[in-house]
Amino acid sequence: MASIKNPNNCSNCGSSNFDFVSPSTGTSYVLTTVDQTKNPPAFNPTSGLPVAVFGCLDCGVLTFHVESLRRS
């Protein structure tokens, strides 16, 4: 699991130019849903899932890690 939390290479292109994307101090990234039945679509404020984001500077792929995600 440590390799997922701190990956060394991009899983898409294999580049080592891959690292944690740091949010602003005191903040974190959240994956959320959008209610598309509304016009304009609206964010669902209670659907947030905190994620750690890693990015590749060579191919642009983002990878999300969710600490709480587990098989039941």
N, C-alpha and C. Protein backbone atom coordinates (compact mmCIF):
# COMPACT_ATOMS: atom_id res chain seq x y z
N MET A 1 0.82 -1.20 0.00
CA MET A 1 0.00 0.00 0.00
C MET A 1 0.86 1.26 0.00
N ALA A 2 2.04 1.20 0.57
CA ALA A 2 2.89 2.39 0.59
C ALA A 2 3.19 2.89 -0.82
N SER A 3 3.32 1.97 -1.80
CA SER A 3 3.61 2.39 -3.15
C SER A 3 2.44 3.16 -3.76
N ILE A 4 1.22 2.91 -3.30
CA ILE A 4 0.06 3.65 -3.79
C ILE A 4 0.02 5.03 -3.13
N LYS A 5 0.33 5.10 -1.84
CA LYS A 5 0.29 6.38 -1.13
C LYS A 5 1.38 7.32 -1.64
N ASN A 6 2.53 6.77 -1.97
CA ASN A 6 3.65 7.58 -2.45
C ASN A 6 4.22 6.96 -3.72
N PRO A 7 3.47 7.01 -4.81
CA PRO A 7 3.95 6.38 -6.04
C PRO A 7 5.20 7.09 -6.56
N ASN A 8 6.08 6.33 -7.18
CA ASN A 8 7.31 6.89 -7.73
C ASN A 8 7.20 7.15 -9.22
N ASN A 9 6.31 6.41 -9.87
CA ASN A 9 6.17 6.53 -11.31
C ASN A 9 4.70 6.60 -11.70
N CYS A 10 4.45 7.25 -12.82
CA CYS A 10 3.10 7.35 -13.36
C CYS A 10 2.62 5.98 -13.83
N SER A 11 1.44 5.58 -13.43
CA SER A 11 0.90 4.29 -13.86
C SER A 11 0.44 4.33 -15.31
N ASN A 12 0.33 5.51 -15.90
CA ASN A 12 -0.08 5.63 -17.30
C ASN A 12 1.11 5.54 -18.25
N CYS A 13 2.15 6.36 -18.02
CA CYS A 13 3.27 6.41 -18.97
C CYS A 13 4.59 5.92 -18.39
N GLY A 14 4.64 5.68 -17.07
CA GLY A 14 5.85 5.18 -16.42
C GLY A 14 6.86 6.26 -16.06
N SER A 15 6.55 7.52 -16.33
CA SER A 15 7.47 8.62 -16.04
C SER A 15 7.72 8.75 -14.55
N SER A 16 8.94 9.13 -14.19
CA SER A 16 9.25 9.41 -12.78
C SER A 16 8.98 10.87 -12.45
N ASN A 17 8.51 11.63 -13.43
CA ASN A 17 8.15 13.03 -13.23
C ASN A 17 6.71 13.09 -12.70
N PHE A 18 6.48 12.46 -11.57
CA PHE A 18 5.16 12.18 -10.99
C PHE A 18 5.22 12.45 -9.50
N ASP A 19 4.30 13.25 -8.98
CA ASP A 19 4.40 13.60 -7.56
C ASP A 19 3.04 14.04 -7.02
N PHE A 20 2.99 14.19 -5.70
CA PHE A 20 1.81 14.67 -4.98
C PHE A 20 1.50 16.09 -5.42
N VAL A 21 0.23 16.37 -5.67
CA VAL A 21 -0.21 17.72 -6.02
C VAL A 21 -0.71 18.37 -4.74
N SER A 22 0.06 19.31 -4.23
CA SER A 22 -0.25 19.94 -2.94
C SER A 22 -1.33 21.01 -3.08
N PRO A 23 -2.40 20.89 -2.29
CA PRO A 23 -3.39 21.97 -2.28
C PRO A 23 -2.87 23.13 -1.43
N SER A 24 -3.58 24.22 -1.40
CA SER A 24 -3.21 25.37 -0.57
C SER A 24 -3.15 24.94 0.89
N THR A 25 -2.35 25.62 1.67
CA THR A 25 -2.21 25.32 3.10
C THR A 25 -3.56 25.33 3.80
N GLY A 26 -3.83 24.28 4.57
CA GLY A 26 -5.07 24.20 5.32
C GLY A 26 -6.26 23.68 4.52
N THR A 27 -6.02 23.26 3.28
CA THR A 27 -7.11 22.76 2.45
C THR A 27 -6.78 21.36 1.95
N SER A 28 -7.76 20.71 1.36
CA SER A 28 -7.54 19.40 0.75
C SER A 28 -8.44 19.30 -0.49
N TYR A 29 -8.16 18.30 -1.30
CA TYR A 29 -8.98 18.07 -2.48
C TYR A 29 -10.13 17.13 -2.14
N VAL A 30 -11.27 17.34 -2.81
CA VAL A 30 -12.46 16.54 -2.58
C VAL A 30 -13.05 16.16 -3.93
N LEU A 31 -13.36 14.89 -4.09
CA LEU A 31 -14.08 14.41 -5.26
C LEU A 31 -15.56 14.48 -4.90
N THR A 32 -16.34 15.14 -5.73
CA THR A 32 -17.75 15.33 -5.41
C THR A 32 -18.62 14.99 -6.62
N THR A 33 -19.92 15.04 -6.43
CA THR A 33 -20.86 14.79 -7.53
C THR A 33 -21.58 16.09 -7.88
N VAL A 34 -22.18 16.07 -9.05
CA VAL A 34 -22.92 17.23 -9.54
C VAL A 34 -24.33 16.77 -9.92
N ASP A 35 -25.33 17.53 -9.47
CA ASP A 35 -26.72 17.25 -9.82
C ASP A 35 -27.00 17.86 -11.20
N GLN A 36 -27.03 17.01 -12.22
CA GLN A 36 -27.23 17.50 -13.58
C GLN A 36 -28.71 17.65 -13.95
N THR A 37 -29.61 17.36 -13.00
CA THR A 37 -31.03 17.60 -13.27
C THR A 37 -31.38 19.07 -13.09
N LYS A 38 -30.44 19.84 -12.51
CA LYS A 38 -30.66 21.28 -12.31
C LYS A 38 -30.00 22.06 -13.44
N ASN A 39 -30.54 23.24 -13.70
CA ASN A 39 -29.96 24.08 -14.73
C ASN A 39 -29.65 25.44 -14.13
N PRO A 40 -28.41 25.82 -13.94
CA PRO A 40 -27.21 25.07 -14.28
C PRO A 40 -26.97 23.94 -13.26
N PRO A 41 -26.17 22.94 -13.64
CA PRO A 41 -25.86 21.84 -12.72
C PRO A 41 -25.29 22.39 -11.41
N ALA A 42 -25.60 21.72 -10.31
CA ALA A 42 -25.17 22.19 -8.98
C ALA A 42 -24.38 21.11 -8.26
N PHE A 43 -23.33 21.53 -7.56
CA PHE A 43 -22.56 20.60 -6.74
C PHE A 43 -23.41 20.09 -5.60
N ASN A 44 -23.25 18.80 -5.26
CA ASN A 44 -23.92 18.23 -4.10
C ASN A 44 -22.96 18.37 -2.92
N PRO A 45 -23.21 19.32 -2.03
CA PRO A 45 -22.24 19.63 -0.97
C PRO A 45 -22.01 18.50 0.03
N THR A 46 -22.91 17.54 0.13
CA THR A 46 -22.74 16.45 1.10
C THR A 46 -22.15 15.20 0.48
N SER A 47 -21.74 15.24 -0.78
CA SER A 47 -21.24 14.04 -1.45
C SER A 47 -19.72 13.97 -1.52
N GLY A 48 -19.02 14.84 -0.81
CA GLY A 48 -17.56 14.93 -0.93
C GLY A 48 -16.81 13.73 -0.39
N LEU A 49 -15.77 13.33 -1.12
CA LEU A 49 -14.88 12.25 -0.72
C LEU A 49 -13.46 12.81 -0.76
N PRO A 50 -12.79 12.96 0.40
CA PRO A 50 -11.43 13.51 0.39
C PRO A 50 -10.48 12.60 -0.39
N VAL A 51 -9.64 13.19 -1.23
CA VAL A 51 -8.69 12.44 -2.03
C VAL A 51 -7.32 13.08 -1.99
N ALA A 52 -6.28 12.24 -2.04
CA ALA A 52 -4.92 12.72 -2.27
C ALA A 52 -4.73 12.65 -3.78
N VAL A 53 -4.16 13.69 -4.36
CA VAL A 53 -4.00 13.77 -5.81
C VAL A 53 -2.52 13.72 -6.17
N PHE A 54 -2.20 12.85 -7.14
CA PHE A 54 -0.86 12.76 -7.69
C PHE A 54 -0.97 13.08 -9.17
N GLY A 55 0.04 13.75 -9.73
CA GLY A 55 -0.02 14.13 -11.13
C GLY A 55 1.28 13.87 -11.86
N CYS A 56 1.16 13.62 -13.16
CA CYS A 56 2.31 13.38 -14.03
C CYS A 56 2.53 14.62 -14.89
N LEU A 57 3.74 15.17 -14.83
CA LEU A 57 4.06 16.34 -15.64
C LEU A 57 4.32 16.00 -17.10
N ASP A 58 4.51 14.72 -17.41
CA ASP A 58 4.78 14.34 -18.79
C ASP A 58 3.51 14.04 -19.58
N CYS A 59 2.58 13.28 -19.00
CA CYS A 59 1.37 12.92 -19.76
C CYS A 59 0.11 13.61 -19.24
N GLY A 60 0.19 14.26 -18.07
CA GLY A 60 -0.94 15.01 -17.54
C GLY A 60 -1.98 14.19 -16.80
N VAL A 61 -1.73 12.89 -16.60
CA VAL A 61 -2.70 12.04 -15.90
C VAL A 61 -2.69 12.36 -14.40
N LEU A 62 -3.88 12.45 -13.82
CA LEU A 62 -4.02 12.60 -12.37
C LEU A 62 -4.44 11.25 -11.79
N THR A 63 -3.91 10.93 -10.62
CA THR A 63 -4.25 9.70 -9.92
C THR A 63 -4.77 10.10 -8.55
N PHE A 64 -5.92 9.53 -8.16
CA PHE A 64 -6.51 9.82 -6.85
C PHE A 64 -6.28 8.65 -5.91
N HIS A 65 -5.95 8.98 -4.66
CA HIS A 65 -5.82 7.95 -3.63
C HIS A 65 -6.83 8.30 -2.54
N VAL A 66 -7.65 7.30 -2.17
CA VAL A 66 -8.67 7.49 -1.13
C VAL A 66 -8.33 6.56 0.02
N GLU A 67 -7.86 7.13 1.11
CA GLU A 67 -7.42 6.35 2.28
C GLU A 67 -8.54 5.49 2.84
N SER A 68 -9.79 5.96 2.81
CA SER A 68 -10.89 5.23 3.43
C SER A 68 -11.49 4.14 2.53
N LEU A 69 -11.04 4.05 1.28
CA LEU A 69 -11.61 3.06 0.36
C LEU A 69 -11.10 1.67 0.70
N ARG A 70 -12.02 0.78 1.03
CA ARG A 70 -11.69 -0.59 1.43
C ARG A 70 -12.74 -1.54 0.90
N ARG A 71 -12.34 -2.78 0.68
CA ARG A 71 -13.32 -3.82 0.34
C ARG A 71 -14.10 -4.20 1.59
N SER A 72 -15.36 -4.53 1.39
CA SER A 72 -16.16 -4.93 2.56
C SER A 72 -16.15 -6.41 2.75
